Amino acid sequence: MNEVDEGRRSLYDDAWPDYVIQINNCIRNQFEVPVLFYVLTVLLYLLDAVTYLTLVLAWAFVLLRIGHAYVHTGTNYVPVRRKLFMASVFTTLGLFVLCVYAVLVG
């Protein structure tokens, strides 16, 4: 099909077709905010601070990220994708607040 520029593929993202770049960007995005989520959930567990609210926020984060990946690899409609991303950031912020509270209160 000659969709890939063989001379540029090892160093340049633009050597690949758009659908490959779209999937690659989605995978790359999964190593940004989710890493903070992983750290916070482990910290909350180690602090013995897992509550019903923690679980609700954690599951909301997971579902929002699944929705974000679905939109990102499908229609890639940025307004919806941005809302899902920001909602997942706010759930992570909520987990951060709970973590800080657990450290301060003990």
PDB file of N, CA and C in Angstrom:
ATOM      1  N   MET A   1       0.811  -1.215   0.000  1.00  0.00           N
ATOM      2  CA  MET A   1       0.000   0.000   0.000  1.00  0.00           C
ATOM      3  C   MET A   1       0.848   1.270   0.000  1.00  0.00           C
ATOM      4  N   ASN A   2       2.113   1.156   0.389  1.00  0.00           N
ATOM      5  CA  ASN A   2       3.025   2.295   0.409  1.00  0.00           C
ATOM      6  C   ASN A   2       2.529   3.462   1.249  1.00  0.00           C
ATOM      7  N   GLU A   3       1.886   3.170   2.375  1.00  0.00           N
ATOM      8  CA  GLU A   3       1.409   4.230   3.263  1.00  0.00           C
ATOM      9  C   GLU A   3       2.519   4.749   4.169  1.00  0.00           C
ATOM     10  N   VAL A   4       3.575   3.968   4.354  1.00  0.00           N
ATOM     11  CA  VAL A   4       4.663   4.331   5.253  1.00  0.00           C
ATOM     12  C   VAL A   4       5.860   4.793   4.440  1.00  0.00           C
ATOM     13  N   ASP A   5       6.404   5.946   4.809  1.00  0.00           N
ATOM     14  CA  ASP A   5       7.621   6.461   4.184  1.00  0.00           C
ATOM     15  C   ASP A   5       8.796   5.722   4.828  1.00  0.00           C
ATOM     16  N   GLU A   6       9.291   4.700   4.161  1.00  0.00           N
ATOM     17  CA  GLU A   6      10.319   3.806   4.711  1.00  0.00           C
ATOM     18  C   GLU A   6      11.588   4.560   5.120  1.00  0.00           C
ATOM     19  N   GLY A   7      11.932   5.607   4.418  1.00  0.00           N
ATOM     20  CA  GLY A   7      13.144   6.360   4.726  1.00  0.00           C
ATOM     21  C   GLY A   7      13.035   7.201   5.984  1.00  0.00           C
ATOM     22  N   ARG A   8      11.814   7.504   6.416  1.00  0.00           N
ATOM     23  CA  ARG A   8      11.617   8.385   7.568  1.00  0.00           C
ATOM     24  C   ARG A   8      11.013   7.674   8.774  1.00  0.00           C
ATOM     25  N   ARG A   9      10.614   6.425   8.642  1.00  0.00           N
ATOM     26  CA  ARG A   9       9.799   5.781   9.674  1.00  0.00           C
ATOM     27  C   ARG A   9      10.487   5.610  11.021  1.00  0.00           C
ATOM     28  N   SER A  10      11.796   5.469  11.048  1.00  0.00           N
ATOM     29  CA  SER A  10      12.463   5.226  12.328  1.00  0.00           C
ATOM     30  C   SER A  10      12.595   6.487  13.187  1.00  0.00           C
ATOM     31  N   LEU A  11      12.547   7.658  12.573  1.00  0.00           N
ATOM     32  CA  LEU A  11      12.773   8.888  13.327  1.00  0.00           C
ATOM     33  C   LEU A  11      11.617   9.887  13.310  1.00  0.00           C
ATOM     34  N   TYR A  12      10.715   9.749  12.369  1.00  0.00           N
ATOM     35  CA  TYR A  12       9.699  10.790  12.204  1.00  0.00           C
ATOM     36  C   TYR A  12       8.291  10.205  12.264  1.00  0.00           C
ATOM     37  N   ASP A  13       7.469  10.788  13.145  1.00  0.00           N
ATOM     38  CA  ASP A  13       6.085  10.337  13.269  1.00  0.00           C
ATOM     39  C   ASP A  13       5.283  10.551  11.990  1.00  0.00           C
ATOM     40  N   ASP A  14       5.625  11.606  11.254  1.00  0.00           N
ATOM     41  CA  ASP A  14       4.829  11.915  10.064  1.00  0.00           C
ATOM     42  C   ASP A  14       5.066  10.934   8.909  1.00  0.00           C
ATOM     43  N   ALA A  15       5.953   9.967   9.108  1.00  0.00           N
ATOM     44  CA  ALA A  15       6.184   8.943   8.078  1.00  0.00           C
ATOM     45  C   ALA A  15       5.070   7.897   8.073  1.00  0.00           C
ATOM     46  N   TRP A  16       4.269   7.902   9.115  1.00  0.00           N
ATOM     47  CA  TRP A  16       3.207   6.902   9.281  1.00  0.00           C
ATOM     48  C   TRP A  16       1.864   7.477   8.858  1.00  0.00           C
ATOM     49  N   PRO A  17       0.920   6.640   8.484  1.00  0.00           N
ATOM     50  CA  PRO A  17      -0.422   7.130   8.151  1.00  0.00           C
ATOM     51  C   PRO A  17      -1.116   7.693   9.391  1.00  0.00           C
ATOM     52  N   ASP A  18      -2.111   8.524   9.167  1.00  0.00           N
ATOM     53  CA  ASP A  18      -2.804   9.194  10.268  1.00  0.00           C
ATOM     54  C   ASP A  18      -3.385   8.224  11.291  1.00  0.00           C
ATOM     55  N   TYR A  19      -3.953   7.102  10.847  1.00  0.00           N
ATOM     56  CA  TYR A  19      -4.571   6.189  11.807  1.00  0.00           C
ATOM     57  C   TYR A  19      -3.533   5.560  12.736  1.00  0.00           C
ATOM     58  N   VAL A  20      -2.306   5.373  12.272  1.00  0.00           N
ATOM     59  CA  VAL A  20      -1.240   4.837  13.123  1.00  0.00           C
ATOM     60  C   VAL A  20      -0.798   5.907  14.124  1.00  0.00           C
ATOM     61  N   ILE A  21      -0.681   7.131  13.667  1.00  0.00           N
ATOM     62  CA  ILE A  21      -0.307   8.242  14.555  1.00  0.00           C
ATOM     63  C   ILE A  21      -1.371   8.438  15.628  1.00  0.00           C
ATOM     64  N   GLN A  22      -2.631   8.309  15.251  1.00  0.00           N
ATOM     65  CA  GLN A  22      -3.730   8.476  16.201  1.00  0.00           C
ATOM     66  C   GLN A  22      -3.652   7.423  17.320  1.00  0.00           C
ATOM     67  N   ILE A  23      -3.429   6.176  16.981  1.00  0.00           N
ATOM     68  CA  ILE A  23      -3.298   5.110  17.969  1.00  0.00           C
ATOM     69  C   ILE A  23      -2.050   5.327  18.818  1.00  0.00           C
ATOM     70  N   ASN A  24      -0.960   5.698  18.180  1.00  0.00           N
ATOM     71  CA  ASN A  24       0.284   5.958  18.908  1.00  0.00           C
ATOM     72  C   ASN A  24       0.106   7.089  19.918  1.00  0.00           C
ATOM     73  N   ASN A  25      -0.578   8.158  19.520  1.00  0.00           N
ATOM     74  CA  ASN A  25      -0.832   9.271  20.437  1.00  0.00           C
ATOM     75  C   ASN A  25      -1.703   8.834  21.608  1.00  0.00           C
ATOM     76  N   CYS A  26      -2.679   7.990  21.348  1.00  0.00           N
ATOM     77  CA  CYS A  26      -3.552   7.491  22.408  1.00  0.00           C
ATOM     78  C   CYS A  26      -2.744   6.667  23.410  1.00  0.00           C
ATOM     79  N   ILE A  27      -1.891   5.801  22.926  1.00  0.00           N
ATOM     80  CA  ILE A  27      -1.055   4.980  23.818  1.00  0.00           C
ATOM     81  C   ILE A  27      -0.104   5.866  24.614  1.00  0.00           C
ATOM     82  N   ARG A  28       0.510   6.839  23.957  1.00  0.00           N
ATOM     83  CA  ARG A  28       1.415   7.765  24.642  1.00  0.00           C
ATOM     84  C   ARG A  28       0.670   8.518  25.746  1.00  0.00           C
ATOM     85  N   ASN A  29      -0.571   8.889  25.471  1.00  0.00           N
ATOM     86  CA  ASN A  29      -1.378   9.621  26.438  1.00  0.00           C
ATOM     87  C   ASN A  29      -1.662   8.782  27.684  1.00  0.00           C
ATOM     88  N   GLN A  30      -1.657   7.453  27.546  1.00  0.00           N
ATOM     89  CA  GLN A  30      -1.924   6.579  28.685  1.00  0.00           C
ATOM     90  C   GLN A  30      -0.747   6.531  29.668  1.00  0.00           C
ATOM     91  N   PHE A  31       0.353   7.178  29.352  1.00  0.00           N
ATOM     92  CA  PHE A  31       1.495   7.221  30.256  1.00  0.00           C
ATOM     93  C   PHE A  31       1.695   8.610  30.851  1.00  0.00           C
ATOM     94  N   GLU A  32       0.654   9.415  30.842  1.00  0.00           N
ATOM     95  CA  GLU A  32       0.739  10.752  31.424  1.00  0.00           C
ATOM     96  C   GLU A  32      -0.035  10.776  32.741  1.00  0.00           C
ATOM     97  N   VAL A  33      -1.262  11.212  32.736  1.00  0.00           N
ATOM     98  CA  VAL A  33      -2.069  11.302  33.958  1.00  0.00           C
ATOM     99  C   VAL A  33      -2.260   9.945  34.643  1.00  0.00           C
ATOM    100  N   PRO A  34      -2.448   8.851  33.920  1.00  0.00           N
ATOM    101  CA  PRO A  34      -2.628   7.571  34.623  1.00  0.00           C
ATOM    102  C   PRO A  34      -1.481   7.200  35.552  1.00  0.00           C
ATOM    103  N   VAL A  35      -0.270   7.620  35.265  1.00  0.00           N
ATOM    104  CA  VAL A  35       0.847   7.308  36.156  1.00  0.00           C
ATOM    105  C   VAL A  35       0.622   7.966  37.520  1.00  0.00           C
ATOM    106  N   LEU A  36       0.134   9.186  37.540  1.00  0.00           N
ATOM    107  CA  LEU A  36      -0.199   9.857  38.802  1.00  0.00           C
ATOM    108  C   LEU A  36      -1.302   9.094  39.534  1.00  0.00           C
ATOM    109  N   PHE A  37      -2.276   8.612  38.792  1.00  0.00           N
ATOM    110  CA  PHE A  37      -3.357   7.821  39.370  1.00  0.00           C
ATOM    111  C   PHE A  37      -2.796   6.577  40.053  1.00  0.00           C
ATOM    112  N   TYR A  38      -1.882   5.881  39.393  1.00  0.00           N
ATOM    113  CA  TYR A  38      -1.300   4.673  39.967  1.00  0.00           C
ATOM    114  C   TYR A  38      -0.571   4.979  41.273  1.00  0.00           C
ATOM    115  N   VAL A  39       0.224   6.029  41.275  1.00  0.00           N
ATOM    116  CA  VAL A  39       0.971   6.415  42.472  1.00  0.00           C
ATOM    117  C   VAL A  39       0.017   6.764  43.607  1.00  0.00           C
ATOM    118  N   LEU A  40      -1.006   7.540  43.319  1.00  0.00           N
ATOM    119  CA  LEU A  40      -1.951   7.954  44.352  1.00  0.00           C
ATOM    120  C   LEU A  40      -2.729   6.775  44.923  1.00  0.00           C
ATOM    121  N   THR A  41      -3.150   5.862  44.071  1.00  0.00           N
ATOM    122  CA  THR A  41      -3.904   4.722  44.588  1.00  0.00           C
ATOM    123  C   THR A  41      -3.025   3.828  45.468  1.00  0.00           C
ATOM    124  N   VAL A  42      -1.780   3.639  45.087  1.00  0.00           N
ATOM    125  CA  VAL A  42      -0.872   2.848  45.930  1.00  0.00           C
ATOM    126  C   VAL A  42      -0.620   3.567  47.250  1.00  0.00           C
ATOM    127  N   LEU A  43      -0.401   4.868  47.211  1.00  0.00           N
ATOM    128  CA  LEU A  43      -0.191   5.635  48.447  1.00  0.00           C
ATOM    129  C   LEU A  43      -1.412   5.564  49.359  1.00  0.00           C
ATOM    130  N   LEU A  44      -2.587   5.725  48.795  1.00  0.00           N
ATOM    131  CA  LEU A  44      -3.808   5.651  49.606  1.00  0.00           C
ATOM    132  C   LEU A  44      -3.949   4.271  50.244  1.00  0.00           C
ATOM    133  N   TYR A  45      -3.599   3.245  49.512  1.00  0.00           N
ATOM    134  CA  TYR A  45      -3.655   1.887  50.055  1.00  0.00           C
ATOM    135  C   TYR A  45      -2.641   1.730  51.195  1.00  0.00           C
ATOM    136  N   LEU A  46      -1.411   2.195  50.979  1.00  0.00           N
ATOM    137  CA  LEU A  46      -0.373   2.074  52.002  1.00  0.00           C
ATOM    138  C   LEU A  46      -0.680   2.903  53.244  1.00  0.00           C
ATOM    139  N   LEU A  47      -1.385   4.004  53.060  1.00  0.00           N
ATOM    140  CA  LEU A  47      -1.787   4.853  54.186  1.00  0.00           C
ATOM    141  C   LEU A  47      -3.051   4.330  54.872  1.00  0.00           C
ATOM    142  N   ASP A  48      -3.571   3.230  54.376  1.00  0.00           N
ATOM    143  CA  ASP A  48      -4.825   2.643  54.875  1.00  0.00           C
ATOM    144  C   ASP A  48      -5.951   3.687  54.832  1.00  0.00           C
ATOM    145  N   ALA A  49      -6.006   4.398  53.715  1.00  0.00           N
ATOM    146  CA  ALA A  49      -6.966   5.485  53.555  1.00  0.00           C
ATOM    147  C   ALA A  49      -7.961   5.217  52.431  1.00  0.00           C
ATOM    148  N   VAL A  50      -8.176   3.957  52.115  1.00  0.00           N
ATOM    149  CA  VAL A  50      -9.132   3.622  51.059  1.00  0.00           C
ATOM    150  C   VAL A  50     -10.530   3.654  51.664  1.00  0.00           C
ATOM    151  N   THR A  51     -11.360   4.532  51.115  1.00  0.00           N
ATOM    152  CA  THR A  51     -12.736   4.688  51.574  1.00  0.00           C
ATOM    153  C   THR A  51     -13.676   4.501  50.391  1.00  0.00           C
ATOM    154  N   TYR A  52     -14.954   4.592  50.677  1.00  0.00           N
ATOM    155  CA  TYR A  52     -15.945   4.507  49.609  1.00  0.00           C
ATOM    156  C   TYR A  52     -15.698   5.616  48.575  1.00  0.00           C
ATOM    157  N   LEU A  53     -15.403   6.821  49.046  1.00  0.00           N
ATOM    158  CA  LEU A  53     -15.140   7.947  48.139  1.00  0.00           C
ATOM    159  C   LEU A  53     -13.904   7.675  47.277  1.00  0.00           C
ATOM    160  N   THR A  54     -12.877   7.089  47.866  1.00  0.00           N
ATOM    161  CA  THR A  54     -11.676   6.737  47.111  1.00  0.00           C
ATOM    162  C   THR A  54     -12.012   5.775  45.980  1.00  0.00           C
ATOM    163  N   LEU A  55     -12.810   4.762  46.304  1.00  0.00           N
ATOM    164  CA  LEU A  55     -13.190   3.775  45.287  1.00  0.00           C
ATOM    165  C   LEU A  55     -14.044   4.389  44.186  1.00  0.00           C
ATOM    166  N   VAL A  56     -14.954   5.266  44.551  1.00  0.00           N
ATOM    167  CA  VAL A  56     -15.798   5.936  43.551  1.00  0.00           C
ATOM    168  C   VAL A  56     -14.932   6.780  42.618  1.00  0.00           C
ATOM    169  N   LEU A  57     -14.015   7.551  43.190  1.00  0.00           N
ATOM    170  CA  LEU A  57     -13.131   8.377  42.354  1.00  0.00           C
ATOM    171  C   LEU A  57     -12.231   7.512  41.469  1.00  0.00           C
ATOM    172  N   ALA A  58     -11.722   6.427  42.027  1.00  0.00           N
ATOM    173  CA  ALA A  58     -10.827   5.563  41.249  1.00  0.00           C
ATOM    174  C   ALA A  58     -11.577   4.918  40.081  1.00  0.00           C
ATOM    175  N   TRP A  59     -12.770   4.396  40.337  1.00  0.00           N
ATOM    176  CA  TRP A  59     -13.536   3.779  39.251  1.00  0.00           C
ATOM    177  C   TRP A  59     -14.014   4.811  38.236  1.00  0.00           C
ATOM    178  N   ALA A  60     -14.330   6.008  38.711  1.00  0.00           N
ATOM    179  CA  ALA A  60     -14.708   7.076  37.778  1.00  0.00           C
ATOM    180  C   ALA A  60     -13.538   7.397  36.862  1.00  0.00           C
ATOM    181  N   PHE A  61     -12.327   7.447  37.440  1.00  0.00           N
ATOM    182  CA  PHE A  61     -11.133   7.705  36.637  1.00  0.00           C
ATOM    183  C   PHE A  61     -10.966   6.638  35.556  1.00  0.00           C
ATOM    184  N   VAL A  62     -11.081   5.376  35.961  1.00  0.00           N
ATOM    185  CA  VAL A  62     -10.906   4.266  35.010  1.00  0.00           C
ATOM    186  C   VAL A  62     -11.923   4.371  33.878  1.00  0.00           C
ATOM    187  N   LEU A  63     -13.184   4.587  34.219  1.00  0.00           N
ATOM    188  CA  LEU A  63     -14.232   4.676  33.194  1.00  0.00           C
ATOM    189  C   LEU A  63     -14.033   5.885  32.282  1.00  0.00           C
ATOM    190  N   LEU A  64     -13.614   7.005  32.865  1.00  0.00           N
ATOM    191  CA  LEU A  64     -13.353   8.198  32.049  1.00  0.00           C
ATOM    192  C   LEU A  64     -12.186   7.980  31.094  1.00  0.00           C
ATOM    193  N   ARG A  65     -11.152   7.281  31.551  1.00  0.00           N
ATOM    194  CA  ARG A  65     -10.011   7.010  30.675  1.00  0.00           C
ATOM    195  C   ARG A  65     -10.376   6.045  29.547  1.00  0.00           C
ATOM    196  N   ILE A  66     -11.224   5.067  29.858  1.00  0.00           N
ATOM    197  CA  ILE A  66     -11.701   4.171  28.804  1.00  0.00           C
ATOM    198  C   ILE A  66     -12.491   4.967  27.771  1.00  0.00           C
ATOM    199  N   GLY A  67     -13.360   5.848  28.258  1.00  0.00           N
ATOM    200  CA  GLY A  67     -14.129   6.706  27.346  1.00  0.00           C
ATOM    201  C   GLY A  67     -13.222   7.597  26.525  1.00  0.00           C
ATOM    202  N   HIS A  68     -12.208   8.152  27.163  1.00  0.00           N
ATOM    203  CA  HIS A  68     -11.259   9.018  26.463  1.00  0.00           C
ATOM    204  C   HIS A  68     -10.531   8.247  25.367  1.00  0.00           C
ATOM    205  N   ALA A  69     -10.063   7.045  25.682  1.00  0.00           N
ATOM    206  CA  ALA A  69      -9.357   6.229  24.680  1.00  0.00           C
ATOM    207  C   ALA A  69     -10.294   5.842  23.537  1.00  0.00           C
ATOM    208  N   TYR A  70     -11.548   5.558  23.869  1.00  0.00           N
ATOM    209  CA  TYR A  70     -12.532   5.201  22.846  1.00  0.00           C
ATOM    210  C   TYR A  70     -12.747   6.358  21.867  1.00  0.00           C
ATOM    211  N   VAL A  71     -12.916   7.567  22.412  1.00  0.00           N
ATOM    212  CA  VAL A  71     -13.105   8.743  21.550  1.00  0.00           C
ATOM    213  C   VAL A  71     -11.818   9.045  20.784  1.00  0.00           C
ATOM    214  N   HIS A  72     -10.679   8.942  21.475  1.00  0.00           N
ATOM    215  CA  HIS A  72      -9.397   9.263  20.853  1.00  0.00           C
ATOM    216  C   HIS A  72      -9.113   8.370  19.645  1.00  0.00           C
ATOM    217  N   THR A  73      -9.423   7.083  19.767  1.00  0.00           N
ATOM    218  CA  THR A  73      -9.136   6.156  18.676  1.00  0.00           C
ATOM    219  C   THR A  73     -10.296   6.021  17.694  1.00  0.00           C
ATOM    220  N   GLY A  74     -11.426   6.631  18.019  1.00  0.00           N
ATOM    221  CA  GLY A  74     -12.590   6.572  17.128  1.00  0.00           C
ATOM    222  C   GLY A  74     -12.760   7.870  16.372  1.00  0.00           C
ATOM    223  N   THR A  75     -13.746   8.637  16.799  1.00  0.00           N
ATOM    224  CA  THR A  75     -14.055   9.890  16.108  1.00  0.00           C
ATOM    225  C   THR A  75     -13.000  10.966  16.334  1.00  0.00           C
ATOM    226  N   ASN A  76     -12.291  10.881  17.473  1.00  0.00           N
ATOM    227  CA  ASN A  76     -11.294  11.867  17.859  1.00  0.00           C
ATOM    228  C   ASN A  76     -11.886  13.276  17.912  1.00  0.00           C
ATOM    229  N   TYR A  77     -13.138  13.359  18.335  1.00  0.00           N
ATOM    230  CA  TYR A  77     -13.819  14.647  18.454  1.00  0.00           C
ATOM    231  C   TYR A  77     -13.287  15.352  19.702  1.00  0.00           C
ATOM    232  N   VAL A  78     -12.480  16.364  19.494  1.00  0.00           N
ATOM    233  CA  VAL A  78     -11.708  16.988  20.564  1.00  0.00           C
ATOM    234  C   VAL A  78     -12.567  17.571  21.688  1.00  0.00           C
ATOM    235  N   PRO A  79     -13.695  18.252  21.434  1.00  0.00           N
ATOM    236  CA  PRO A  79     -14.473  18.773  22.564  1.00  0.00           C
ATOM    237  C   PRO A  79     -14.915  17.680  23.554  1.00  0.00           C
ATOM    238  N   VAL A  80     -15.332  16.532  23.056  1.00  0.00           N
ATOM    239  CA  VAL A  80     -15.731  15.436  23.942  1.00  0.00           C
ATOM    240  C   VAL A  80     -14.494  14.850  24.611  1.00  0.00           C
ATOM    241  N   ARG A  81     -13.449  14.663  23.855  1.00  0.00           N
ATOM    242  CA  ARG A  81     -12.216  14.112  24.400  1.00  0.00           C
ATOM    243  C   ARG A  81     -11.657  14.998  25.503  1.00  0.00           C
ATOM    244  N   ARG A  82     -11.700  16.310  25.305  1.00  0.00           N
ATOM    245  CA  ARG A  82     -11.203  17.252  26.310  1.00  0.00           C
ATOM    246  C   ARG A  82     -12.022  17.157  27.591  1.00  0.00           C
ATOM    247  N   LYS A  83     -13.340  17.057  27.472  1.00  0.00           N
ATOM    248  CA  LYS A  83     -14.195  16.949  28.665  1.00  0.00           C
ATOM    249  C   LYS A  83     -13.891  15.673  29.441  1.00  0.00           C
ATOM    250  N   LEU A  84     -13.716  14.572  28.739  1.00  0.00           N
ATOM    251  CA  LEU A  84     -13.389  13.312  29.408  1.00  0.00           C
ATOM    252  C   LEU A  84     -12.016  13.397  30.072  1.00  0.00           C
ATOM    253  N   PHE A  85     -11.068  14.005  29.389  1.00  0.00           N
ATOM    254  CA  PHE A  85      -9.727  14.154  29.941  1.00  0.00           C
ATOM    255  C   PHE A  85      -9.757  15.028  31.198  1.00  0.00           C
ATOM    256  N   MET A  86     -10.421  16.158  31.119  1.00  0.00           N
ATOM    257  CA  MET A  86     -10.469  17.065  32.273  1.00  0.00           C
ATOM    258  C   MET A  86     -11.202  16.424  33.452  1.00  0.00           C
ATOM    259  N   ALA A  87     -12.256  15.685  33.183  1.00  0.00           N
ATOM    260  CA  ALA A  87     -12.966  14.988  34.258  1.00  0.00           C
ATOM    261  C   ALA A  87     -12.037  13.981  34.922  1.00  0.00           C
ATOM    262  N   SER A  88     -11.222  13.276  34.132  1.00  0.00           N
ATOM    263  CA  SER A  88     -10.286  12.315  34.726  1.00  0.00           C
ATOM    264  C   SER A  88      -9.193  13.033  35.524  1.00  0.00           C
ATOM    265  N   VAL A  89      -8.784  14.203  35.080  1.00  0.00           N
ATOM    266  CA  VAL A  89      -7.806  14.994  35.841  1.00  0.00           C
ATOM    267  C   VAL A  89      -8.407  15.420  37.177  1.00  0.00           C
ATOM    268  N   PHE A  90      -9.668  15.828  37.177  1.00  0.00           N
ATOM    269  CA  PHE A  90     -10.312  16.238  38.430  1.00  0.00           C
ATOM    270  C   PHE A  90     -10.490  15.066  39.391  1.00  0.00           C
ATOM    271  N   THR A  91     -10.753  13.874  38.873  1.00  0.00           N
ATOM    272  CA  THR A  91     -10.830  12.722  39.772  1.00  0.00           C
ATOM    273  C   THR A  91      -9.452  12.436  40.376  1.00  0.00           C
ATOM    274  N   THR A  92      -8.396  12.608  39.580  1.00  0.00           N
ATOM    275  CA  THR A  92      -7.037  12.427  40.097  1.00  0.00           C
ATOM    276  C   THR A  92      -6.731  13.492  41.150  1.00  0.00           C
ATOM    277  N   LEU A  93      -7.169  14.713  40.910  1.00  0.00           N
ATOM    278  CA  LEU A  93      -6.990  15.780  41.891  1.00  0.00           C
ATOM    279  C   LEU A  93      -7.726  15.436  43.188  1.00  0.00           C
ATOM    280  N   GLY A  94      -8.927  14.872  43.063  1.00  0.00           N
ATOM    281  CA  GLY A  94      -9.666  14.438  44.249  1.00  0.00           C
ATOM    282  C   GLY A  94      -8.916  13.377  45.031  1.00  0.00           C
ATOM    283  N   LEU A  95      -8.316  12.427  44.327  1.00  0.00           N
ATOM    284  CA  LEU A  95      -7.507  11.403  44.991  1.00  0.00           C
ATOM    285  C   LEU A  95      -6.281  12.019  45.663  1.00  0.00           C
ATOM    286  N   PHE A  96      -5.707  13.033  45.040  1.00  0.00           N
ATOM    287  CA  PHE A  96      -4.571  13.734  45.631  1.00  0.00           C
ATOM    288  C   PHE A  96      -4.972  14.419  46.933  1.00  0.00           C
ATOM    289  N   VAL A  97      -6.117  15.079  46.925  1.00  0.00           N
ATOM    290  CA  VAL A  97      -6.612  15.744  48.139  1.00  0.00           C
ATOM    291  C   VAL A  97      -6.844  14.714  49.249  1.00  0.00           C
ATOM    292  N   LEU A  98      -7.434  13.583  48.913  1.00  0.00           N
ATOM    293  CA  LEU A  98      -7.651  12.528  49.908  1.00  0.00           C
ATOM    294  C   LEU A  98      -6.313  12.003  50.447  1.00  0.00           C
ATOM    295  N   CYS A  99      -5.332  11.908  49.591  1.00  0.00           N
ATOM    296  CA  CYS A  99      -4.007  11.441  50.006  1.00  0.00           C
ATOM    297  C   CYS A  99      -3.363  12.445  50.953  1.00  0.00           C
ATOM    298  N   VAL A 100      -3.412  13.709  50.627  1.00  0.00           N
ATOM    299  CA  VAL A 100      -2.851  14.758  51.499  1.00  0.00           C
ATOM    300  C   VAL A 100      -3.585  14.754  52.835  1.00  0.00           C
ATOM    301  N   TYR A 101      -4.894  14.626  52.800  1.00  0.00           N
ATOM    302  CA  TYR A 101      -5.690  14.576  54.030  1.00  0.00           C
ATOM    303  C   TYR A 101      -5.267  13.378  54.890  1.00  0.00           C
ATOM    304  N   ALA A 102      -5.060  12.235  54.286  1.00  0.00           N
ATOM    305  CA  ALA A 102      -4.656  11.032  55.012  1.00  0.00           C
ATOM    306  C   ALA A 102      -3.286  11.223  55.663  1.00  0.00           C
ATOM    307  N   VAL A 103      -2.389  11.910  54.976  1.00  0.00           N
ATOM    308  CA  VAL A 103      -1.055  12.161  55.539  1.00  0.00           C
ATOM    309  C   VAL A 103      -1.137  13.149  56.713  1.00  0.00           C
ATOM    310  N   LEU A 104      -1.933  14.208  56.556  1.00  0.00           N
ATOM    311  CA  LEU A 104      -2.024  15.231  57.591  1.00  0.00           C
ATOM    312  C   LEU A 104      -2.779  14.740  58.832  1.00  0.00           C
ATOM    313  N   VAL A 105      -3.842  13.989  58.627  1.00  0.00           N
ATOM    314  CA  VAL A 105      -4.657  13.526  59.749  1.00  0.00           C
ATOM    315  C   VAL A 105      -4.041  12.277  60.387  1.00  0.00           C
ATOM    316  N   GLY A 106      -3.424  11.472  59.549  1.00  0.00           N
ATOM    317  CA  GLY A 106      -2.753  10.279  60.054  1.00  0.00           C
ATOM    318  C   GLY A 106      -3.678   9.149  60.150  1.00  0.00           C
TER     319      GLY A 106
END
